[in-house]
Amino acid sequence: MDTKFDDLNLKKLFKWFDAAVVDPVRLFATPFHIVDAVLIESSREAGFVFDRARIVGAFERYLDKSKIEDYDEEVRSLTLEVLTE
């Protein structure tokens, strides 16, 4: 995975966008969990690092469980409509 940290090369990017007022902020998203011991070094290499566990953890704090139940029921209802037609 650490070979992917430089996939977004800002020097190459500036060839296309040379009118930037400020340097872009680098972000790195991965479906794999990055352990805390590696996170700091990964952030230095790749910018802001978002892994699956941290994304879920961040949103879970603000989650309104009742909305998920409503959404779940709506998906079930739509699925049944599609299957019965």
PDB file of N, CA and C in Angstrom:
ATOM      1  N   MET A   1       0.819  -1.180   0.000  1.00  0.00           N
ATOM      2  CA  MET A   1       0.000   0.000   0.000  1.00  0.00           C
ATOM      3  C   MET A   1       0.870   1.254   0.000  1.00  0.00           C
ATOM      4  N   ASP A   2       1.994   1.242   0.713  1.00  0.00           N
ATOM      5  CA  ASP A   2       2.804   2.452   0.809  1.00  0.00           C
ATOM      6  C   ASP A   2       3.398   2.876  -0.529  1.00  0.00           C
ATOM      7  N   THR A   3       3.309   2.028  -1.541  1.00  0.00           N
ATOM      8  CA  THR A   3       3.768   2.421  -2.874  1.00  0.00           C
ATOM      9  C   THR A   3       2.749   3.352  -3.536  1.00  0.00           C
ATOM     10  N   LYS A   4       1.565   3.443  -3.000  1.00  0.00           N
ATOM     11  CA  LYS A   4       0.501   4.287  -3.555  1.00  0.00           C
ATOM     12  C   LYS A   4       0.553   5.726  -3.045  1.00  0.00           C
ATOM     13  N   PHE A   5       1.345   5.988  -2.004  1.00  0.00           N
ATOM     14  CA  PHE A   5       1.354   7.300  -1.377  1.00  0.00           C
ATOM     15  C   PHE A   5       1.729   8.422  -2.340  1.00  0.00           C
ATOM     16  N   ASP A   6       2.492   8.128  -3.359  1.00  0.00           N
ATOM     17  CA  ASP A   6       2.939   9.175  -4.275  1.00  0.00           C
ATOM     18  C   ASP A   6       2.166   9.159  -5.592  1.00  0.00           C
ATOM     19  N   ASP A   7       1.041   8.465  -5.638  1.00  0.00           N
ATOM     20  CA  ASP A   7       0.246   8.433  -6.869  1.00  0.00           C
ATOM     21  C   ASP A   7      -0.225   9.824  -7.275  1.00  0.00           C
ATOM     22  N   LEU A   8      -0.531  10.652  -6.312  1.00  0.00           N
ATOM     23  CA  LEU A   8      -0.915  12.030  -6.607  1.00  0.00           C
ATOM     24  C   LEU A   8       0.340  12.890  -6.493  1.00  0.00           C
ATOM     25  N   ASN A   9       0.971  13.111  -7.614  1.00  0.00           N
ATOM     26  CA  ASN A   9       2.209  13.879  -7.652  1.00  0.00           C
ATOM     27  C   ASN A   9       1.875  15.336  -7.934  1.00  0.00           C
ATOM     28  N   LEU A  10       2.099  16.202  -6.950  1.00  0.00           N
ATOM     29  CA  LEU A  10       1.721  17.598  -7.091  1.00  0.00           C
ATOM     30  C   LEU A  10       2.515  18.311  -8.181  1.00  0.00           C
ATOM     31  N   LYS A  11       3.762  17.918  -8.392  1.00  0.00           N
ATOM     32  CA  LYS A  11       4.557  18.546  -9.452  1.00  0.00           C
ATOM     33  C   LYS A  11       3.932  18.284 -10.813  1.00  0.00           C
ATOM     34  N   LYS A  12       3.476  17.068 -11.038  1.00  0.00           N
ATOM     35  CA  LYS A  12       2.809  16.749 -12.295  1.00  0.00           C
ATOM     36  C   LYS A  12       1.462  17.451 -12.393  1.00  0.00           C
ATOM     37  N   LEU A  13       0.772  17.572 -11.274  1.00  0.00           N
ATOM     38  CA  LEU A  13      -0.529  18.220 -11.248  1.00  0.00           C
ATOM     39  C   LEU A  13      -0.427  19.688 -11.625  1.00  0.00           C
ATOM     40  N   PHE A  14       0.642  20.351 -11.187  1.00  0.00           N
ATOM     41  CA  PHE A  14       0.814  21.767 -11.479  1.00  0.00           C
ATOM     42  C   PHE A  14       1.034  22.035 -12.966  1.00  0.00           C
ATOM     43  N   LYS A  15       1.405  21.021 -13.728  1.00  0.00           N
ATOM     44  CA  LYS A  15       1.516  21.198 -15.178  1.00  0.00           C
ATOM     45  C   LYS A  15       0.148  21.513 -15.778  1.00  0.00           C
ATOM     46  N   TRP A  16      -0.904  21.006 -15.152  1.00  0.00           N
ATOM     47  CA  TRP A  16      -2.261  21.211 -15.646  1.00  0.00           C
ATOM     48  C   TRP A  16      -2.941  22.402 -14.980  1.00  0.00           C
ATOM     49  N   PHE A  17      -2.610  22.649 -13.736  1.00  0.00           N
ATOM     50  CA  PHE A  17      -3.242  23.720 -12.965  1.00  0.00           C
ATOM     51  C   PHE A  17      -2.175  24.651 -12.430  1.00  0.00           C
ATOM     52  N   ASP A  18      -1.711  25.551 -13.259  1.00  0.00           N
ATOM     53  CA  ASP A  18      -0.614  26.418 -12.829  1.00  0.00           C
ATOM     54  C   ASP A  18      -1.088  27.725 -12.213  1.00  0.00           C
ATOM     55  N   ALA A  19      -2.387  27.931 -12.088  1.00  0.00           N
ATOM     56  CA  ALA A  19      -2.904  29.185 -11.560  1.00  0.00           C
ATOM     57  C   ALA A  19      -3.377  29.057 -10.114  1.00  0.00           C
ATOM     58  N   ALA A  20      -2.959  28.008  -9.422  1.00  0.00           N
ATOM     59  CA  ALA A  20      -3.403  27.817  -8.037  1.00  0.00           C
ATOM     60  C   ALA A  20      -2.811  28.894  -7.136  1.00  0.00           C
ATOM     61  N   VAL A  21      -3.650  29.461  -6.286  1.00  0.00           N
ATOM     62  CA  VAL A  21      -3.200  30.486  -5.357  1.00  0.00           C
ATOM     63  C   VAL A  21      -2.481  29.846  -4.175  1.00  0.00           C
ATOM     64  N   VAL A  22      -2.996  28.705  -3.742  1.00  0.00           N
ATOM     65  CA  VAL A  22      -2.369  27.973  -2.637  1.00  0.00           C
ATOM     66  C   VAL A  22      -2.117  26.543  -3.094  1.00  0.00           C
ATOM     67  N   ASP A  23      -1.177  25.905  -2.452  1.00  0.00           N
ATOM     68  CA  ASP A  23      -0.896  24.512  -2.783  1.00  0.00           C
ATOM     69  C   ASP A  23      -2.097  23.644  -2.414  1.00  0.00           C
ATOM     70  N   PRO A  24      -2.420  22.665  -3.250  1.00  0.00           N
ATOM     71  CA  PRO A  24      -3.525  21.759  -2.912  1.00  0.00           C
ATOM     72  C   PRO A  24      -3.176  20.904  -1.695  1.00  0.00           C
ATOM     73  N   VAL A  25      -4.209  20.451  -1.020  1.00  0.00           N
ATOM     74  CA  VAL A  25      -4.042  19.566   0.121  1.00  0.00           C
ATOM     75  C   VAL A  25      -4.161  18.137  -0.382  1.00  0.00           C
ATOM     76  N   ARG A  26      -3.190  17.305  -0.036  1.00  0.00           N
ATOM     77  CA  ARG A  26      -3.217  15.919  -0.481  1.00  0.00           C
ATOM     78  C   ARG A  26      -4.047  15.078   0.471  1.00  0.00           C
ATOM     79  N   LEU A  27      -4.853  14.196  -0.104  1.00  0.00           N
ATOM     80  CA  LEU A  27      -5.669  13.249   0.657  1.00  0.00           C
ATOM     81  C   LEU A  27      -5.396  11.856   0.127  1.00  0.00           C
ATOM     82  N   PHE A  28      -5.431  10.873   1.018  1.00  0.00           N
ATOM     83  CA  PHE A  28      -5.225   9.483   0.632  1.00  0.00           C
ATOM     84  C   PHE A  28      -6.313   8.654   1.295  1.00  0.00           C
ATOM     85  N   ALA A  29      -7.114   7.962   0.490  1.00  0.00           N
ATOM     86  CA  ALA A  29      -8.172   7.100   1.017  1.00  0.00           C
ATOM     87  C   ALA A  29      -7.855   5.652   0.669  1.00  0.00           C
ATOM     88  N   THR A  30      -8.065   4.781   1.629  1.00  0.00           N
ATOM     89  CA  THR A  30      -7.787   3.365   1.415  1.00  0.00           C
ATOM     90  C   THR A  30      -8.866   2.516   2.086  1.00  0.00           C
ATOM     91  N   PRO A  31      -9.231   1.402   1.476  1.00  0.00           N
ATOM     92  CA  PRO A  31     -10.210   0.516   2.104  1.00  0.00           C
ATOM     93  C   PRO A  31      -9.590  -0.326   3.217  1.00  0.00           C
ATOM     94  N   PHE A  32      -8.286  -0.229   3.402  1.00  0.00           N
ATOM     95  CA  PHE A  32      -7.597  -1.010   4.418  1.00  0.00           C
ATOM     96  C   PHE A  32      -7.364  -0.163   5.662  1.00  0.00           C
ATOM     97  N   HIS A  33      -7.347  -0.819   6.812  1.00  0.00           N
ATOM     98  CA  HIS A  33      -7.079  -0.116   8.064  1.00  0.00           C
ATOM     99  C   HIS A  33      -5.581   0.138   8.190  1.00  0.00           C
ATOM    100  N   ILE A  34      -5.232   1.347   8.577  1.00  0.00           N
ATOM    101  CA  ILE A  34      -3.833   1.690   8.831  1.00  0.00           C
ATOM    102  C   ILE A  34      -3.670   1.801  10.341  1.00  0.00           C
ATOM    103  N   VAL A  35      -2.805   0.989  10.899  1.00  0.00           N
ATOM    104  CA  VAL A  35      -2.620   0.988  12.352  1.00  0.00           C
ATOM    105  C   VAL A  35      -2.026   2.316  12.793  1.00  0.00           C
ATOM    106  N   ASP A  36      -2.315   2.705  14.023  1.00  0.00           N
ATOM    107  CA  ASP A  36      -1.874   3.996  14.549  1.00  0.00           C
ATOM    108  C   ASP A  36      -0.367   4.189  14.431  1.00  0.00           C
ATOM    109  N   ALA A  37       0.398   3.134  14.632  1.00  0.00           N
ATOM    110  CA  ALA A  37       1.856   3.241  14.579  1.00  0.00           C
ATOM    111  C   ALA A  37       2.349   3.663  13.194  1.00  0.00           C
ATOM    112  N   VAL A  38       1.589   3.366  12.176  1.00  0.00           N
ATOM    113  CA  VAL A  38       1.984   3.678  10.794  1.00  0.00           C
ATOM    114  C   VAL A  38       1.296   4.946  10.290  1.00  0.00           C
ATOM    115  N   LEU A  39       0.244   5.391  10.967  1.00  0.00           N
ATOM    116  CA  LEU A  39      -0.573   6.504  10.495  1.00  0.00           C
ATOM    117  C   LEU A  39       0.221   7.806  10.363  1.00  0.00           C
ATOM    118  N   ILE A  40       1.044   8.118  11.324  1.00  0.00           N
ATOM    119  CA  ILE A  40       1.791   9.381  11.276  1.00  0.00           C
ATOM    120  C   ILE A  40       2.728   9.397  10.079  1.00  0.00           C
ATOM    121  N   GLU A  41       3.476   8.338   9.884  1.00  0.00           N
ATOM    122  CA  GLU A  41       4.381   8.281   8.736  1.00  0.00           C
ATOM    123  C   GLU A  41       3.598   8.281   7.425  1.00  0.00           C
ATOM    124  N   SER A  42       2.470   7.587   7.386  1.00  0.00           N
ATOM    125  CA  SER A  42       1.633   7.572   6.188  1.00  0.00           C
ATOM    126  C   SER A  42       1.133   8.976   5.870  1.00  0.00           C
ATOM    127  N   SER A  43       0.758   9.725   6.884  1.00  0.00           N
ATOM    128  CA  SER A  43       0.279  11.093   6.687  1.00  0.00           C
ATOM    129  C   SER A  43       1.382  11.996   6.155  1.00  0.00           C
ATOM    130  N   ARG A  44       2.581  11.788   6.617  1.00  0.00           N
ATOM    131  CA  ARG A  44       3.706  12.580   6.097  1.00  0.00           C
ATOM    132  C   ARG A  44       3.952  12.297   4.620  1.00  0.00           C
ATOM    133  N   GLU A  45       3.761  11.070   4.234  1.00  0.00           N
ATOM    134  CA  GLU A  45       4.005  10.668   2.843  1.00  0.00           C
ATOM    135  C   GLU A  45       2.838  11.036   1.925  1.00  0.00           C
ATOM    136  N   ALA A  46       1.605  10.844   2.399  1.00  0.00           N
ATOM    137  CA  ALA A  46       0.447  10.908   1.510  1.00  0.00           C
ATOM    138  C   ALA A  46      -0.503  12.071   1.776  1.00  0.00           C
ATOM    139  N   GLY A  47      -0.346  12.779   2.872  1.00  0.00           N
ATOM    140  CA  GLY A  47      -1.284  13.842   3.231  1.00  0.00           C
ATOM    141  C   GLY A  47      -2.304  13.312   4.224  1.00  0.00           C
ATOM    142  N   PHE A  48      -3.497  13.887   4.225  1.00  0.00           N
ATOM    143  CA  PHE A  48      -4.551  13.388   5.115  1.00  0.00           C
ATOM    144  C   PHE A  48      -4.887  11.960   4.713  1.00  0.00           C
ATOM    145  N   VAL A  49      -4.872  11.058   5.673  1.00  0.00           N
ATOM    146  CA  VAL A  49      -5.137   9.649   5.395  1.00  0.00           C
ATOM    147  C   VAL A  49      -6.497   9.276   5.965  1.00  0.00           C
ATOM    148  N   PHE A  50      -7.323   8.684   5.127  1.00  0.00           N
ATOM    149  CA  PHE A  50      -8.626   8.193   5.541  1.00  0.00           C
ATOM    150  C   PHE A  50      -8.676   6.703   5.244  1.00  0.00           C
ATOM    151  N   ASP A  51      -8.827   5.907   6.278  1.00  0.00           N
ATOM    152  CA  ASP A  51      -9.022   4.472   6.053  1.00  0.00           C
ATOM    153  C   ASP A  51     -10.446   4.123   6.461  1.00  0.00           C
ATOM    154  N   ARG A  52     -10.860   2.939   6.095  1.00  0.00           N
ATOM    155  CA  ARG A  52     -12.254   2.528   6.291  1.00  0.00           C
ATOM    156  C   ARG A  52     -12.692   2.675   7.748  1.00  0.00           C
ATOM    157  N   ALA A  53     -11.888   2.226   8.664  1.00  0.00           N
ATOM    158  CA  ALA A  53     -12.271   2.250  10.076  1.00  0.00           C
ATOM    159  C   ALA A  53     -12.420   3.679  10.596  1.00  0.00           C
ATOM    160  N   ARG A  54     -11.530   4.568  10.199  1.00  0.00           N
ATOM    161  CA  ARG A  54     -11.607   5.947  10.681  1.00  0.00           C
ATOM    162  C   ARG A  54     -12.784   6.704  10.062  1.00  0.00           C
ATOM    163  N   ILE A  55     -13.095   6.430   8.809  1.00  0.00           N
ATOM    164  CA  ILE A  55     -14.239   7.077   8.171  1.00  0.00           C
ATOM    165  C   ILE A  55     -15.522   6.661   8.876  1.00  0.00           C
ATOM    166  N   VAL A  56     -15.692   5.369   9.096  1.00  0.00           N
ATOM    167  CA  VAL A  56     -16.886   4.874   9.781  1.00  0.00           C
ATOM    168  C   VAL A  56     -16.950   5.422  11.196  1.00  0.00           C
ATOM    169  N   GLY A  57     -15.830   5.423  11.890  1.00  0.00           N
ATOM    170  CA  GLY A  57     -15.799   5.933  13.258  1.00  0.00           C
ATOM    171  C   GLY A  57     -16.174   7.404  13.343  1.00  0.00           C
ATOM    172  N   ALA A  58     -15.712   8.186  12.376  1.00  0.00           N
ATOM    173  CA  ALA A  58     -16.014   9.617  12.380  1.00  0.00           C
ATOM    174  C   ALA A  58     -17.505   9.874  12.172  1.00  0.00           C
ATOM    175  N   PHE A  59     -18.120   9.157  11.265  1.00  0.00           N
ATOM    176  CA  PHE A  59     -19.534   9.378  10.987  1.00  0.00           C
ATOM    177  C   PHE A  59     -20.445   8.729  12.018  1.00  0.00           C
ATOM    178  N   GLU A  60     -19.962   7.679  12.648  1.00  0.00           N
ATOM    179  CA  GLU A  60     -20.787   6.963  13.611  1.00  0.00           C
ATOM    180  C   GLU A  60     -21.175   7.852  14.790  1.00  0.00           C
ATOM    181  N   ARG A  61     -20.315   8.759  15.172  1.00  0.00           N
ATOM    182  CA  ARG A  61     -20.604   9.654  16.293  1.00  0.00           C
ATOM    183  C   ARG A  61     -21.817  10.536  16.025  1.00  0.00           C
ATOM    184  N   TYR A  62     -22.033  10.876  14.768  1.00  0.00           N
ATOM    185  CA  TYR A  62     -23.089  11.811  14.414  1.00  0.00           C
ATOM    186  C   TYR A  62     -24.301  11.125  13.786  1.00  0.00           C
ATOM    187  N   LEU A  63     -24.304   9.833  13.858  1.00  0.00           N
ATOM    188  CA  LEU A  63     -25.326   9.052  13.188  1.00  0.00           C
ATOM    189  C   LEU A  63     -26.649   9.110  13.925  1.00  0.00           C
ATOM    190  N   ASP A  64     -27.704   9.374  13.197  1.00  0.00           N
ATOM    191  CA  ASP A  64     -29.049   9.336  13.749  1.00  0.00           C
ATOM    192  C   ASP A  64     -29.625   7.964  13.390  1.00  0.00           C
ATOM    193  N   LYS A  65     -29.646   7.074  14.351  1.00  0.00           N
ATOM    194  CA  LYS A  65     -30.057   5.687  14.106  1.00  0.00           C
ATOM    195  C   LYS A  65     -31.475   5.593  13.545  1.00  0.00           C
ATOM    196  N   SER A  66     -32.354   6.505  13.923  1.00  0.00           N
ATOM    197  CA  SER A  66     -33.727   6.447  13.429  1.00  0.00           C
ATOM    198  C   SER A  66     -33.776   6.675  11.920  1.00  0.00           C
ATOM    199  N   LYS A  67     -32.890   7.516  11.398  1.00  0.00           N
ATOM    200  CA  LYS A  67     -32.857   7.756   9.954  1.00  0.00           C
ATOM    201  C   LYS A  67     -32.422   6.503   9.209  1.00  0.00           C
ATOM    202  N   ILE A  68     -31.509   5.748   9.782  1.00  0.00           N
ATOM    203  CA  ILE A  68     -31.067   4.508   9.136  1.00  0.00           C
ATOM    204  C   ILE A  68     -32.223   3.515   9.097  1.00  0.00           C
ATOM    205  N   GLU A  69     -32.991   3.440  10.165  1.00  0.00           N
ATOM    206  CA  GLU A  69     -34.140   2.531  10.180  1.00  0.00           C
ATOM    207  C   GLU A  69     -35.155   2.928   9.118  1.00  0.00           C
ATOM    208  N   ASP A  70     -35.409   4.231   8.966  1.00  0.00           N
ATOM    209  CA  ASP A  70     -36.327   4.698   7.922  1.00  0.00           C
ATOM    210  C   ASP A  70     -35.790   4.356   6.539  1.00  0.00           C
ATOM    211  N   TYR A  71     -34.509   4.596   6.338  1.00  0.00           N
ATOM    212  CA  TYR A  71     -33.884   4.314   5.053  1.00  0.00           C
ATOM    213  C   TYR A  71     -33.912   2.815   4.759  1.00  0.00           C
ATOM    214  N   ASP A  72     -33.642   2.016   5.775  1.00  0.00           N
ATOM    215  CA  ASP A  72     -33.649   0.561   5.608  1.00  0.00           C
ATOM    216  C   ASP A  72     -35.026   0.090   5.165  1.00  0.00           C
ATOM    217  N   GLU A  73     -36.069   0.630   5.785  1.00  0.00           N
ATOM    218  CA  GLU A  73     -37.432   0.253   5.415  1.00  0.00           C
ATOM    219  C   GLU A  73     -37.755   0.691   3.989  1.00  0.00           C
ATOM    220  N   GLU A  74     -37.291   1.867   3.604  1.00  0.00           N
ATOM    221  CA  GLU A  74     -37.532   2.362   2.242  1.00  0.00           C
ATOM    222  C   GLU A  74     -36.836   1.467   1.209  1.00  0.00           C
ATOM    223  N   VAL A  75     -35.624   1.056   1.481  1.00  0.00           N
ATOM    224  CA  VAL A  75     -34.890   0.174   0.564  1.00  0.00           C
ATOM    225  C   VAL A  75     -35.599  -1.169   0.446  1.00  0.00           C
ATOM    226  N   ARG A  76     -36.049  -1.704   1.562  1.00  0.00           N
ATOM    227  CA  ARG A  76     -36.791  -2.980   1.524  1.00  0.00           C
ATOM    228  C   ARG A  76     -38.059  -2.857   0.684  1.00  0.00           C
ATOM    229  N   SER A  77     -38.779  -1.756   0.866  1.00  0.00           N
ATOM    230  CA  SER A  77     -40.011  -1.543   0.126  1.00  0.00           C
ATOM    231  C   SER A  77     -39.741  -1.436  -1.372  1.00  0.00           C
ATOM    232  N   LEU A  78     -38.735  -0.667  -1.751  1.00  0.00           N
ATOM    233  CA  LEU A  78     -38.393  -0.530  -3.170  1.00  0.00           C
ATOM    234  C   LEU A  78     -37.920  -1.851  -3.765  1.00  0.00           C
ATOM    235  N   THR A  79     -37.175  -2.610  -2.992  1.00  0.00           N
ATOM    236  CA  THR A  79     -36.692  -3.915  -3.457  1.00  0.00           C
ATOM    237  C   THR A  79     -37.867  -4.847  -3.721  1.00  0.00           C
ATOM    238  N   LEU A  80     -38.827  -4.854  -2.817  1.00  0.00           N
ATOM    239  CA  LEU A  80     -40.018  -5.690  -3.023  1.00  0.00           C
ATOM    240  C   LEU A  80     -40.800  -5.271  -4.259  1.00  0.00           C
ATOM    241  N   GLU A  81     -40.912  -3.976  -4.494  1.00  0.00           N
ATOM    242  CA  GLU A  81     -41.614  -3.502  -5.687  1.00  0.00           C
ATOM    243  C   GLU A  81     -40.931  -4.001  -6.956  1.00  0.00           C
ATOM    244  N   VAL A  82     -39.633  -3.939  -6.980  1.00  0.00           N
ATOM    245  CA  VAL A  82     -38.882  -4.371  -8.163  1.00  0.00           C
ATOM    246  C   VAL A  82     -39.027  -5.878  -8.354  1.00  0.00           C
ATOM    247  N   LEU A  83     -38.972  -6.628  -7.273  1.00  0.00           N
ATOM    248  CA  LEU A  83     -39.037  -8.082  -7.371  1.00  0.00           C
ATOM    249  C   LEU A  83     -40.430  -8.584  -7.733  1.00  0.00           C
ATOM    250  N   THR A  84     -41.479  -7.850  -7.360  1.00  0.00           N
ATOM    251  CA  THR A  84     -42.840  -8.323  -7.626  1.00  0.00           C
ATOM    252  C   THR A  84     -43.381  -7.861  -8.973  1.00  0.00           C
ATOM    253  N   GLU A  85     -42.672  -6.986  -9.650  1.00  0.00           N
ATOM    254  CA  GLU A  85     -43.166  -6.530 -10.970  1.00  0.00           C
ATOM    255  C   GLU A  85     -42.801  -7.485 -12.052  1.00  0.00           C
TER     256      GLU A  85
END
